[in-house]
PDB file of all heavy atoms in Angstrom:
ATOM      1  N   LEU A   1       8.291  -6.316 -10.271  1.00  0.00           N
ATOM      2  CA  LEU A   1       8.367  -6.171 -11.723  1.00  0.00           C
ATOM      3  C   LEU A   1       9.442  -5.152 -12.113  1.00  0.00           C
ATOM      4  O   LEU A   1      10.244  -5.400 -13.022  1.00  0.00           O
ATOM      5  CB  LEU A   1       7.004  -5.739 -12.275  1.00  0.00           C
ATOM      6  CG  LEU A   1       6.897  -5.573 -13.777  1.00  0.00           C
ATOM      7  CD1 LEU A   1       7.031  -6.926 -14.469  1.00  0.00           C
ATOM      8  CD2 LEU A   1       5.565  -4.937 -14.141  1.00  0.00           C
ATOM      9  N   ILE A   2       9.487  -4.044 -11.414  1.00  0.00           N
ATOM     10  CA  ILE A   2      10.476  -3.010 -11.703  1.00  0.00           C
ATOM     11  C   ILE A   2      11.887  -3.519 -11.391  1.00  0.00           C
ATOM     12  O   ILE A   2      12.811  -3.372 -12.190  1.00  0.00           O
ATOM     13  CB  ILE A   2      10.164  -1.721 -10.919  1.00  0.00           C
ATOM     14  CG1 ILE A   2       8.878  -1.092 -11.474  1.00  0.00           C
ATOM     15  CG2 ILE A   2      11.335  -0.741 -10.979  1.00  0.00           C
ATOM     16  CD1 ILE A   2       8.319   0.023 -10.622  1.00  0.00           C
ATOM     17  N   ALA A   3      12.053  -4.117 -10.212  1.00  0.00           N
ATOM     18  CA  ALA A   3      13.386  -4.568  -9.790  1.00  0.00           C
ATOM     19  C   ALA A   3      13.907  -5.715 -10.643  1.00  0.00           C
ATOM     20  O   ALA A   3      15.109  -5.783 -10.935  1.00  0.00           O
ATOM     21  CB  ALA A   3      13.358  -4.983  -8.323  1.00  0.00           C
ATOM     22  N   GLU A   4      13.036  -6.603 -11.068  1.00  0.00           N
ATOM     23  CA  GLU A   4      13.476  -7.786 -11.790  1.00  0.00           C
ATOM     24  C   GLU A   4      13.779  -7.539 -13.258  1.00  0.00           C
ATOM     25  O   GLU A   4      14.161  -8.468 -13.965  1.00  0.00           O
ATOM     26  CB  GLU A   4      12.432  -8.898 -11.642  1.00  0.00           C
ATOM     27  CG  GLU A   4      12.346  -9.421 -10.216  1.00  0.00           C
ATOM     28  CD  GLU A   4      11.187 -10.367  -9.985  1.00  0.00           C
ATOM     29  OE1 GLU A   4      10.398 -10.613 -10.933  1.00  0.00           O
ATOM     30  OE2 GLU A   4      11.058 -10.853  -8.852  1.00  0.00           O
ATOM     31  N   ARG A   5      13.672  -6.320 -13.707  1.00  0.00           N
ATOM     32  CA  ARG A   5      14.027  -6.012 -15.100  1.00  0.00           C
ATOM     33  C   ARG A   5      15.518  -6.184 -15.328  1.00  0.00           C
ATOM     34  O   ARG A   5      15.970  -6.298 -16.443  1.00  0.00           O
ATOM     35  CB  ARG A   5      13.589  -4.595 -15.455  1.00  0.00           C
ATOM     36  CG  ARG A   5      12.067  -4.464 -15.458  1.00  0.00           C
ATOM     37  CD  ARG A   5      11.632  -3.180 -16.040  1.00  0.00           C
ATOM     38  NE  ARG A   5      11.973  -3.182 -17.459  1.00  0.00           N
ATOM     39  CZ  ARG A   5      11.874  -2.131 -18.232  1.00  0.00           C
ATOM     40  NH1 ARG A   5      11.461  -0.998 -17.750  1.00  0.00           N
ATOM     41  NH2 ARG A   5      12.197  -2.209 -19.504  1.00  0.00           N
ATOM     42  N   ASP A   6      16.279  -6.162 -14.249  1.00  0.00           N
ATOM     43  CA  ASP A   6      17.730  -6.329 -14.316  1.00  0.00           C
ATOM     44  C   ASP A   6      18.116  -7.373 -13.268  1.00  0.00           C
ATOM     45  O   ASP A   6      17.757  -7.253 -12.100  1.00  0.00           O
ATOM     46  CB  ASP A   6      18.405  -4.990 -14.010  1.00  0.00           C
ATOM     47  CG  ASP A   6      19.912  -5.040 -14.187  1.00  0.00           C
ATOM     48  OD1 ASP A   6      20.503  -6.135 -14.054  1.00  0.00           O
ATOM     49  OD2 ASP A   6      20.507  -3.986 -14.444  1.00  0.00           O
ATOM     50  N   ALA A   7      18.853  -8.397 -13.680  1.00  0.00           N
ATOM     51  CA  ALA A   7      19.219  -9.492 -12.778  1.00  0.00           C
ATOM     52  C   ALA A   7      20.092  -9.025 -11.618  1.00  0.00           C
ATOM     53  O   ALA A   7      20.168  -9.690 -10.590  1.00  0.00           O
ATOM     54  CB  ALA A   7      19.936 -10.591 -13.557  1.00  0.00           C
ATOM     55  N   ASP A   8      20.720  -7.880 -11.762  1.00  0.00           N
ATOM     56  CA  ASP A   8      21.602  -7.381 -10.712  1.00  0.00           C
ATOM     57  C   ASP A   8      20.892  -6.431  -9.750  1.00  0.00           C
ATOM     58  O   ASP A   8      21.524  -5.566  -9.145  1.00  0.00           O
ATOM     59  CB  ASP A   8      22.807  -6.664 -11.333  1.00  0.00           C
ATOM     60  CG  ASP A   8      23.713  -7.633 -12.067  1.00  0.00           C
ATOM     61  OD1 ASP A   8      23.726  -8.821 -11.707  1.00  0.00           O
ATOM     62  OD2 ASP A   8      24.385  -7.193 -13.020  1.00  0.00           O
ATOM     63  N   ARG A   9      19.583  -6.580  -9.596  1.00  0.00           N
ATOM     64  CA  ARG A   9      18.816  -5.734  -8.679  1.00  0.00           C
ATOM     65  C   ARG A   9      18.109  -6.594  -7.652  1.00  0.00           C
ATOM     66  O   ARG A   9      17.649  -7.688  -7.936  1.00  0.00           O
ATOM     67  CB  ARG A   9      17.760  -4.927  -9.434  1.00  0.00           C
ATOM     68  CG  ARG A   9      18.301  -3.887 -10.357  1.00  0.00           C
ATOM     69  CD  ARG A   9      17.153  -3.141 -10.969  1.00  0.00           C
ATOM     70  NE  ARG A   9      17.605  -2.206 -11.976  1.00  0.00           N
ATOM     71  CZ  ARG A   9      16.792  -1.595 -12.815  1.00  0.00           C
ATOM     72  NH1 ARG A   9      15.500  -1.816 -12.767  1.00  0.00           N
ATOM     73  NH2 ARG A   9      17.265  -0.753 -13.697  1.00  0.00           N
ATOM     74  N   GLU A  10      17.972  -6.025  -6.462  1.00  0.00           N
ATOM     75  CA  GLU A  10      17.248  -6.691  -5.377  1.00  0.00           C
ATOM     76  C   GLU A  10      16.249  -5.693  -4.793  1.00  0.00           C
ATOM     77  O   GLU A  10      16.635  -4.603  -4.362  1.00  0.00           O
ATOM     78  CB  GLU A  10      18.216  -7.141  -4.286  1.00  0.00           C
ATOM     79  CG  GLU A  10      17.534  -7.691  -3.062  1.00  0.00           C
ATOM     80  CD  GLU A  10      18.486  -7.894  -1.904  1.00  0.00           C
ATOM     81  OE1 GLU A  10      19.667  -7.472  -1.975  1.00  0.00           O
ATOM     82  OE2 GLU A  10      18.028  -8.466  -0.899  1.00  0.00           O
ATOM     83  N   LEU A  11      14.975  -6.049  -4.767  1.00  0.00           N
ATOM     84  CA  LEU A  11      13.951  -5.192  -4.179  1.00  0.00           C
ATOM     85  C   LEU A  11      14.065  -5.272  -2.656  1.00  0.00           C
ATOM     86  O   LEU A  11      13.939  -6.343  -2.075  1.00  0.00           O
ATOM     87  CB  LEU A  11      12.552  -5.634  -4.618  1.00  0.00           C
ATOM     88  CG  LEU A  11      11.401  -4.784  -4.079  1.00  0.00           C
ATOM     89  CD1 LEU A  11      11.449  -3.377  -4.669  1.00  0.00           C
ATOM     90  CD2 LEU A  11      10.066  -5.452  -4.396  1.00  0.00           C
ATOM     91  N   VAL A  12      14.321  -4.135  -2.028  1.00  0.00           N
ATOM     92  CA  VAL A  12      14.443  -4.114  -0.570  1.00  0.00           C
ATOM     93  C   VAL A  12      13.320  -3.322   0.097  1.00  0.00           C
ATOM     94  O   VAL A  12      13.175  -3.374   1.316  1.00  0.00           O
ATOM     95  CB  VAL A  12      15.813  -3.563  -0.117  1.00  0.00           C
ATOM     96  CG1 VAL A  12      16.932  -4.486  -0.576  1.00  0.00           C
ATOM     97  CG2 VAL A  12      16.030  -2.142  -0.594  1.00  0.00           C
ATOM     98  N   GLY A  13      12.530  -2.606  -0.692  1.00  0.00           N
ATOM     99  CA  GLY A  13      11.439  -1.848  -0.097  1.00  0.00           C
ATOM    100  C   GLY A  13      10.480  -1.285  -1.108  1.00  0.00           C
ATOM    101  O   GLY A  13      10.855  -0.993  -2.239  1.00  0.00           O
ATOM    102  N   VAL A  14       9.233  -1.167  -0.686  1.00  0.00           N
ATOM    103  CA  VAL A  14       8.205  -0.489  -1.465  1.00  0.00           C
ATOM    104  C   VAL A  14       7.526   0.484  -0.514  1.00  0.00           C
ATOM    105  O   VAL A  14       7.078   0.089   0.570  1.00  0.00           O
ATOM    106  CB  VAL A  14       7.158  -1.465  -2.045  1.00  0.00           C
ATOM    107  CG1 VAL A  14       6.064  -0.711  -2.787  1.00  0.00           C
ATOM    108  CG2 VAL A  14       7.818  -2.489  -2.957  1.00  0.00           C
ATOM    109  N   ARG A  15       7.487   1.756  -0.884  1.00  0.00           N
ATOM    110  CA  ARG A  15       6.829   2.777  -0.076  1.00  0.00           C
ATOM    111  C   ARG A  15       5.639   3.296  -0.865  1.00  0.00           C
ATOM    112  O   ARG A  15       5.788   3.740  -2.003  1.00  0.00           O
ATOM    113  CB  ARG A  15       7.772   3.940   0.234  1.00  0.00           C
ATOM    114  CG  ARG A  15       9.052   3.542   0.933  1.00  0.00           C
ATOM    115  CD  ARG A  15       8.776   3.052   2.355  1.00  0.00           C
ATOM    116  NE  ARG A  15      10.006   2.699   3.025  1.00  0.00           N
ATOM    117  CZ  ARG A  15      10.513   1.461   3.070  1.00  0.00           C
ATOM    118  NH1 ARG A  15       9.900   0.470   2.450  1.00  0.00           N
ATOM    119  NH2 ARG A  15      11.625   1.215   3.716  1.00  0.00           N
ATOM    120  N   VAL A  16       4.477   3.211  -0.261  1.00  0.00           N
ATOM    121  CA  VAL A  16       3.250   3.667  -0.905  1.00  0.00           C
ATOM    122  C   VAL A  16       2.735   4.873  -0.126  1.00  0.00           C
ATOM    123  O   VAL A  16       2.587   4.814   1.098  1.00  0.00           O
ATOM    124  CB  VAL A  16       2.171   2.556  -0.918  1.00  0.00           C
ATOM    125  CG1 VAL A  16       0.908   3.052  -1.602  1.00  0.00           C
ATOM    126  CG2 VAL A  16       2.697   1.303  -1.573  1.00  0.00           C
ATOM    127  N   TYR A  17       2.452   5.941  -0.825  1.00  0.00           N
ATOM    128  CA  TYR A  17       1.910   7.162  -0.228  1.00  0.00           C
ATOM    129  C   TYR A  17       0.498   7.329  -0.747  1.00  0.00           C
ATOM    130  O   TYR A  17       0.271   7.331  -1.961  1.00  0.00           O
ATOM    131  CB  TYR A  17       2.792   8.359  -0.593  1.00  0.00           C
ATOM    132  CG  TYR A  17       4.183   8.186  -0.042  1.00  0.00           C
ATOM    133  CD1 TYR A  17       5.141   7.460  -0.739  1.00  0.00           C
ATOM    134  CD2 TYR A  17       4.512   8.687   1.209  1.00  0.00           C
ATOM    135  CE1 TYR A  17       6.405   7.253  -0.210  1.00  0.00           C
ATOM    136  CE2 TYR A  17       5.777   8.491   1.741  1.00  0.00           C
ATOM    137  CZ  TYR A  17       6.713   7.774   1.029  1.00  0.00           C
ATOM    138  OH  TYR A  17       7.951   7.560   1.549  1.00  0.00           O
ATOM    139  N   ARG A  18      -0.460   7.445   0.189  1.00  0.00           N
ATOM    140  CA  ARG A  18      -1.855   7.546  -0.245  1.00  0.00           C
ATOM    141  C   ARG A  18      -2.681   8.343   0.737  1.00  0.00           C
ATOM    142  O   ARG A  18      -2.354   8.445   1.913  1.00  0.00           O
ATOM    143  CB  ARG A  18      -2.464   6.158  -0.442  1.00  0.00           C
ATOM    144  CG  ARG A  18      -2.612   5.348   0.813  1.00  0.00           C
ATOM    145  CD  ARG A  18      -3.654   4.255   0.690  1.00  0.00           C
ATOM    146  NE  ARG A  18      -4.929   4.856   0.419  1.00  0.00           N
ATOM    147  CZ  ARG A  18      -5.917   4.256  -0.231  1.00  0.00           C
ATOM    148  NH1 ARG A  18      -5.791   3.041  -0.655  1.00  0.00           N
ATOM    149  NH2 ARG A  18      -7.061   4.860  -0.442  1.00  0.00           N
ATOM    150  N   GLY A  19      -3.770   8.899   0.226  1.00  0.00           N
ATOM    151  CA  GLY A  19      -4.709   9.616   1.067  1.00  0.00           C
ATOM    152  C   GLY A  19      -5.563   8.636   1.858  1.00  0.00           C
ATOM    153  O   GLY A  19      -5.824   7.520   1.410  1.00  0.00           O
ATOM    154  N   LEU A  20      -5.990   9.066   3.038  1.00  0.00           N
ATOM    155  CA  LEU A  20      -6.822   8.237   3.908  1.00  0.00           C
ATOM    156  C   LEU A  20      -8.131   8.970   4.152  1.00  0.00           C
ATOM    157  O   LEU A  20      -8.127  10.079   4.705  1.00  0.00           O
ATOM    158  CB  LEU A  20      -6.104   7.983   5.234  1.00  0.00           C
ATOM    159  CG  LEU A  20      -6.843   7.145   6.258  1.00  0.00           C
ATOM    160  CD1 LEU A  20      -7.036   5.712   5.750  1.00  0.00           C
ATOM    161  CD2 LEU A  20      -6.082   7.140   7.575  1.00  0.00           C
ATOM    162  N   PRO A  21      -9.265   8.382   3.747  1.00  0.00           N
ATOM    163  CA  PRO A  21     -10.546   9.031   4.017  1.00  0.00           C
ATOM    164  C   PRO A  21     -10.754   9.256   5.514  1.00  0.00           C
ATOM    165  O   PRO A  21     -10.268   8.491   6.343  1.00  0.00           O
ATOM    166  CB  PRO A  21     -11.575   8.034   3.471  1.00  0.00           C
ATOM    167  CG  PRO A  21     -10.825   7.257   2.437  1.00  0.00           C
ATOM    168  CD  PRO A  21      -9.417   7.148   2.984  1.00  0.00           C
ATOM    169  N   ASP A  22     -11.478  10.311   5.848  1.00  0.00           N
ATOM    170  CA  ASP A  22     -11.800  10.616   7.235  1.00  0.00           C
ATOM    171  C   ASP A  22     -12.825   9.602   7.743  1.00  0.00           C
ATOM    172  O   ASP A  22     -13.818   9.330   7.068  1.00  0.00           O
ATOM    173  CB  ASP A  22     -12.363  12.037   7.312  1.00  0.00           C
ATOM    174  CG  ASP A  22     -12.651  12.467   8.722  1.00  0.00           C
ATOM    175  OD1 ASP A  22     -13.693  12.049   9.270  1.00  0.00           O
ATOM    176  OD2 ASP A  22     -11.836  13.228   9.280  1.00  0.00           O
ATOM    177  N   SER A  23     -12.590   9.064   8.924  1.00  0.00           N
ATOM    178  CA  SER A  23     -13.463   8.006   9.461  1.00  0.00           C
ATOM    179  C   SER A  23     -14.881   8.496   9.744  1.00  0.00           C
ATOM    180  O   SER A  23     -15.824   7.708   9.684  1.00  0.00           O
ATOM    181  CB  SER A  23     -12.861   7.408  10.728  1.00  0.00           C
ATOM    182  OG  SER A  23     -12.752   8.391  11.737  1.00  0.00           O
ATOM    183  N   THR A  24     -15.066   9.793  10.036  1.00  0.00           N
ATOM    184  CA  THR A  24     -16.411  10.300  10.318  1.00  0.00           C
ATOM    185  C   THR A  24     -17.141  10.740   9.061  1.00  0.00           C
ATOM    186  O   THR A  24     -18.357  10.651   8.990  1.00  0.00           O
ATOM    187  CB  THR A  24     -16.348  11.486  11.307  1.00  0.00           C
ATOM    188  OG1 THR A  24     -15.550  12.527  10.748  1.00  0.00           O
ATOM    189  CG2 THR A  24     -15.772  11.038  12.643  1.00  0.00           C
ATOM    190  N   ARG A  25     -16.424  11.200   8.064  1.00  0.00           N
ATOM    191  CA  ARG A  25     -17.067  11.673   6.833  1.00  0.00           C
ATOM    192  C   ARG A  25     -17.253  10.576   5.794  1.00  0.00           C
ATOM    193  O   ARG A  25     -18.139  10.655   4.959  1.00  0.00           O
ATOM    194  CB  ARG A  25     -16.263  12.817   6.228  1.00  0.00           C
ATOM    195  CG  ARG A  25     -16.350  14.064   7.065  1.00  0.00           C
ATOM    196  CD  ARG A  25     -15.543  15.169   6.444  1.00  0.00           C
ATOM    197  NE  ARG A  25     -16.032  16.425   6.947  1.00  0.00           N
ATOM    198  CZ  ARG A  25     -16.309  17.473   6.189  1.00  0.00           C
ATOM    199  NH1 ARG A  25     -16.117  17.419   4.906  1.00  0.00           N
ATOM    200  NH2 ARG A  25     -16.746  18.572   6.731  1.00  0.00           N
ATOM    201  N   ASP A  26     -16.376   9.590   5.805  1.00  0.00           N
ATOM    202  CA  ASP A  26     -16.444   8.503   4.821  1.00  0.00           C
ATOM    203  C   ASP A  26     -16.043   7.192   5.501  1.00  0.00           C
ATOM    204  O   ASP A  26     -14.975   6.646   5.231  1.00  0.00           O
ATOM    205  CB  ASP A  26     -15.528   8.815   3.642  1.00  0.00           C
ATOM    206  CG  ASP A  26     -15.610   7.788   2.524  1.00  0.00           C
ATOM    207  OD1 ASP A  26     -16.428   6.844   2.614  1.00  0.00           O
ATOM    208  OD2 ASP A  26     -14.829   7.929   1.562  1.00  0.00           O
ATOM    209  N   PRO A  27     -16.904   6.674   6.402  1.00  0.00           N
ATOM    210  CA  PRO A  27     -16.529   5.457   7.130  1.00  0.00           C
ATOM    211  C   PRO A  27     -16.297   4.249   6.233  1.00  0.00           C
ATOM    212  O   PRO A  27     -15.415   3.430   6.495  1.00  0.00           O
ATOM    213  CB  PRO A  27     -17.690   5.225   8.098  1.00  0.00           C
ATOM    214  CG  PRO A  27     -18.749   6.193   7.749  1.00  0.00           C
ATOM    215  CD  PRO A  27     -18.179   7.212   6.823  1.00  0.00           C
ATOM    216  N   LYS A  28     -17.048   4.139   5.156  1.00  0.00           N
ATOM    217  CA  LYS A  28     -16.876   3.010   4.236  1.00  0.00           C
ATOM    218  C   LYS A  28     -15.519   3.087   3.536  1.00  0.00           C
ATOM    219  O   LYS A  28     -14.782   2.097   3.451  1.00  0.00           O
ATOM    220  CB  LYS A  28     -18.016   3.003   3.213  1.00  0.00           C
ATOM    221  CG  LYS A  28     -18.023   1.825   2.299  1.00  0.00           C
ATOM    222  CD  LYS A  28     -19.247   1.872   1.385  1.00  0.00           C
ATOM    223  CE  LYS A  28     -19.225   0.749   0.390  1.00  0.00           C
ATOM    224  NZ  LYS A  28     -20.385   0.785  -0.514  1.00  0.00           N
ATOM    225  N   GLY A  29     -15.161   4.274   3.032  1.00  0.00           N
ATOM    226  CA  GLY A  29     -13.866   4.466   2.381  1.00  0.00           C
ATOM    227  C   GLY A  29     -12.711   4.294   3.357  1.00  0.00           C
ATOM    228  O   GLY A  29     -11.666   3.732   3.014  1.00  0.00           O
ATOM    229  N   TYR A  30     -12.915   4.772   4.595  1.00  0.00           N
ATOM    230  CA  TYR A  30     -11.894   4.632   5.634  1.00  0.00           C
ATOM    231  C   TYR A  30     -11.628   3.162   5.920  1.00  0.00           C
ATOM    232  O   TYR A  30     -10.475   2.723   5.961  1.00  0.00           O
ATOM    233  CB  TYR A  30     -12.373   5.361   6.890  1.00  0.00           C
ATOM    234  CG  TYR A  30     -11.442   5.243   8.073  1.00  0.00           C
ATOM    235  CD1 TYR A  30     -10.347   6.086   8.189  1.00  0.00           C
ATOM    236  CD2 TYR A  30     -11.670   4.314   9.071  1.00  0.00           C
ATOM    237  CE1 TYR A  30      -9.493   6.003   9.282  1.00  0.00           C
ATOM    238  CE2 TYR A  30     -10.828   4.212  10.166  1.00  0.00           C
ATOM    239  CZ  TYR A  30      -9.742   5.061  10.265  1.00  0.00           C
ATOM    240  OH  TYR A  30      -8.901   4.966  11.338  1.00  0.00           O
ATOM    241  N   ALA A  31     -12.686   2.384   6.094  1.00  0.00           N
ATOM    242  CA  ALA A  31     -12.539   0.948   6.385  1.00  0.00           C
ATOM    243  C   ALA A  31     -11.871   0.223   5.218  1.00  0.00           C
ATOM    244  O   ALA A  31     -10.987  -0.613   5.422  1.00  0.00           O
ATOM    245  CB  ALA A  31     -13.900   0.332   6.695  1.00  0.00           C
ATOM    246  N   ALA A  32     -12.281   0.551   3.990  1.00  0.00           N
ATOM    247  CA  ALA A  32     -11.696  -0.094   2.811  1.00  0.00           C
ATOM    248  C   ALA A  32     -10.209   0.236   2.704  1.00  0.00           C
ATOM    249  O   ALA A  32      -9.386  -0.645   2.406  1.00  0.00           O
ATOM    250  CB  ALA A  32     -12.439   0.344   1.550  1.00  0.00           C
ATOM    251  N   SER A  33      -9.846   1.480   2.974  1.00  0.00           N
ATOM    252  CA  SER A  33      -8.436   1.884   2.908  1.00  0.00           C
ATOM    253  C   SER A  33      -7.601   1.150   3.948  1.00  0.00           C
ATOM    254  O   SER A  33      -6.473   0.742   3.672  1.00  0.00           O
ATOM    255  CB  SER A  33      -8.304   3.395   3.122  1.00  0.00           C
ATOM    256  OG  SER A  33      -8.888   4.093   2.059  1.00  0.00           O
ATOM    257  N   HIS A  34      -8.163   0.973   5.138  1.00  0.00           N
ATOM    258  CA  HIS A  34      -7.425   0.250   6.179  1.00  0.00           C
ATOM    259  C   HIS A  34      -7.263  -1.230   5.840  1.00  0.00           C
ATOM    260  O   HIS A  34      -6.210  -1.820   6.113  1.00  0.00           O
ATOM    261  CB  HIS A  34      -8.091   0.432   7.541  1.00  0.00           C
ATOM    262  CG  HIS A  34      -7.555   1.620   8.269  1.00  0.00           C
ATOM    263  ND1 HIS A  34      -6.366   1.596   8.954  1.00  0.00           N
ATOM    264  CD2 HIS A  34      -8.016   2.888   8.375  1.00  0.00           C
ATOM    265  CE1 HIS A  34      -6.127   2.784   9.462  1.00  0.00           C
ATOM    266  NE2 HIS A  34      -7.115   3.591   9.119  1.00  0.00           N
ATOM    267  N   ARG A  35      -8.281  -1.830   5.230  1.00  0.00           N
ATOM    268  CA  ARG A  35      -8.145  -3.235   4.803  1.00  0.00           C
ATOM    269  C   ARG A  35      -7.072  -3.358   3.733  1.00  0.00           C
ATOM    270  O   ARG A  35      -6.241  -4.281   3.766  1.00  0.00           O
ATOM    271  CB  ARG A  35      -9.475  -3.768   4.270  1.00  0.00           C
ATOM    272  CG  ARG A  35     -10.509  -4.058   5.329  1.00  0.00           C
ATOM    273  CD  ARG A  35     -11.705  -4.821   4.783  1.00  0.00           C
ATOM    274  NE  ARG A  35     -12.329  -4.190   3.631  1.00  0.00           N
ATOM    275  CZ  ARG A  35     -13.302  -3.276   3.707  1.00  0.00           C
ATOM    276  NH1 ARG A  35     -13.760  -2.885   4.885  1.00  0.00           N
ATOM    277  NH2 ARG A  35     -13.822  -2.769   2.615  1.00  0.00           N
ATOM    278  N   GLN A  36      -7.069  -2.426   2.791  1.00  0.00           N
ATOM    279  CA  GLN A  36      -6.079  -2.435   1.718  1.00  0.00           C
ATOM    280  C   GLN A  36      -4.672  -2.253   2.288  1.00  0.00           C
ATOM    281  O   GLN A  36      -3.741  -2.986   1.944  1.00  0.00           O
ATOM    282  CB  GLN A  36      -6.405  -1.318   0.731  1.00  0.00           C
ATOM    283  CG  GLN A  36      -5.574  -1.307  -0.512  1.00  0.00           C
ATOM    284  CD  GLN A  36      -5.993  -0.195  -1.449  1.00  0.00           C
ATOM    285  OE1 GLN A  36      -6.078   0.965  -1.040  1.00  0.00           O
ATOM    286  NE2 GLN A  36      -6.262  -0.544  -2.691  1.00  0.00           N
ATOM    287  N   LYS A  37      -4.497  -1.314   3.192  1.00  0.00           N
ATOM    288  CA  LYS A  37      -3.199  -1.064   3.823  1.00  0.00           C
ATOM    289  C   LYS A  37      -2.723  -2.297   4.587  1.00  0.00           C
ATOM    290  O   LYS A  37      -1.557  -2.699   4.468  1.00  0.00           O
ATOM    291  CB  LYS A  37      -3.309   0.137   4.767  1.00  0.00           C
ATOM    292  CG  LYS A  37      -2.031   0.505   5.497  1.00  0.00           C
ATOM    293  CD  LYS A  37      -2.287   1.712   6.419  1.00  0.00           C
ATOM    294  CE  LYS A  37      -1.054   2.232   7.094  1.00  0.00           C
ATOM    295  NZ  LYS A  37      -0.492   1.359   8.096  1.00  0.00           N
ATOM    296  N   ALA A  38      -3.616  -2.916   5.342  1.00  0.00           N
ATOM    297  CA  ALA A  38      -3.250  -4.120   6.111  1.00  0.00           C
ATOM    298  C   ALA A  38      -2.821  -5.247   5.179  1.00  0.00           C
ATOM    299  O   ALA A  38      -1.851  -5.968   5.462  1.00  0.00           O
ATOM    300  CB  ALA A  38      -4.417  -4.559   6.987  1.00  0.00           C
ATOM    301  N   ARG A  39      -3.519  -5.396   4.069  1.00  0.00           N
ATOM    302  CA  ARG A  39      -3.152  -6.448   3.110  1.00  0.00           C
ATOM    303  C   ARG A  39      -1.780  -6.180   2.515  1.00  0.00           C
ATOM    304  O   ARG A  39      -0.946  -7.067   2.430  1.00  0.00           O
ATOM    305  CB  ARG A  39      -4.196  -6.557   2.013  1.00  0.00           C
ATOM    306  CG  ARG A  39      -3.873  -7.657   1.018  1.00  0.00           C
ATOM    307  CD  ARG A  39      -4.977  -7.821  -0.022  1.00  0.00           C
ATOM    308  NE  ARG A  39      -4.592  -8.785  -1.017  1.00  0.00           N
ATOM    309  CZ  ARG A  39      -3.794  -8.521  -2.058  1.00  0.00           C
ATOM    310  NH1 ARG A  39      -3.300  -7.325  -2.225  1.00  0.00           N
ATOM    311  NH2 ARG A  39      -3.497  -9.461  -2.929  1.00  0.00           N
ATOM    312  N   TRP A  40      -1.539  -4.945   2.089  1.00  0.00           N
ATOM    313  CA  TRP A  40      -0.253  -4.602   1.494  1.00  0.00           C
ATOM    314  C   TRP A  40       0.886  -4.814   2.485  1.00  0.00           C
ATOM    315  O   TRP A  40       1.953  -5.291   2.121  1.00  0.00           O
ATOM    316  CB  TRP A  40      -0.236  -3.158   1.028  1.00  0.00           C
ATOM    317  CG  TRP A  40      -1.097  -2.849  -0.149  1.00  0.00           C
ATOM    318  CD1 TRP A  40      -1.655  -3.725  -1.048  1.00  0.00           C
ATOM    319  CD2 TRP A  40      -1.509  -1.553  -0.573  1.00  0.00           C
ATOM    320  NE1 TRP A  40      -2.377  -3.053  -1.987  1.00  0.00           N
ATOM    321  CE2 TRP A  40      -2.311  -1.714  -1.717  1.00  0.00           C
ATOM    322  CE3 TRP A  40      -1.299  -0.277  -0.085  1.00  0.00           C
ATOM    323  CZ2 TRP A  40      -2.875  -0.645  -2.395  1.00  0.00           C
ATOM    324  CZ3 TRP A  40      -1.862   0.801  -0.755  1.00  0.00           C
ATOM    325  CH2 TRP A  40      -2.639   0.607  -1.898  1.00  0.00           C
ATOM    326  N   GLU A  41       0.662  -4.446   3.744  1.00  0.00           N
ATOM    327  CA  GLU A  41       1.727  -4.512   4.742  1.00  0.00           C
ATOM    328  C   GLU A  41       1.905  -5.905   5.343  1.00  0.00           C
ATOM    329  O   GLU A  41       2.701  -6.066   6.266  1.00  0.00           O
ATOM    330  CB  GLU A  41       1.496  -3.464   5.823  1.00  0.00           C
ATOM    331  CG  GLU A  41       1.764  -2.052   5.308  1.00  0.00           C
ATOM    332  CD  GLU A  41       1.670  -0.982   6.358  1.00  0.00           C
ATOM    333  OE1 GLU A  41       0.913  -1.150   7.336  1.00  0.00           O
ATOM    334  OE2 GLU A  41       2.361   0.047   6.199  1.00  0.00           O
ATOM    335  N   GLN A  42       1.217  -6.905   4.795  1.00  0.00           N
ATOM    336  CA  GLN A  42       1.508  -8.286   5.204  1.00  0.00           C
ATOM    337  C   GLN A  42       2.936  -8.643   4.812  1.00  0.00           C
ATOM    338  O   GLN A  42       3.549  -9.506   5.422  1.00  0.00           O
ATOM    339  CB  GLN A  42       0.520  -9.264   4.573  1.00  0.00           C
ATOM    340  CG  GLN A  42      -0.844  -9.211   5.203  1.00  0.00           C
ATOM    341  CD  GLN A  42      -1.832 -10.150   4.534  1.00  0.00           C
ATOM    342  OE1 GLN A  42      -1.597 -10.654   3.430  1.00  0.00           O
ATOM    343  NE2 GLN A  42      -2.949 -10.379   5.184  1.00  0.00           N
ATOM    344  N   SER A  43       3.448  -7.980   3.802  1.00  0.00           N
ATOM    345  CA  SER A  43       4.846  -8.166   3.405  1.00  0.00           C
ATOM    346  C   SER A  43       5.692  -7.147   4.159  1.00  0.00           C
ATOM    347  O   SER A  43       5.379  -5.949   4.137  1.00  0.00           O
ATOM    348  CB  SER A  43       5.019  -7.944   1.902  1.00  0.00           C
ATOM    349  OG  SER A  43       6.394  -7.827   1.597  1.00  0.00           O
TER     350      SER A  43
END
């Protein structure tokens, strides 16, 4: 969406920075974050 605002742009990368729950303190949040990361990185 950001790149296509101008026809003379090409999206070459998206970098996402995010916190990762601790696997021992928040196993549910940790698992959900890993599923989300895996889905995003399919591209």
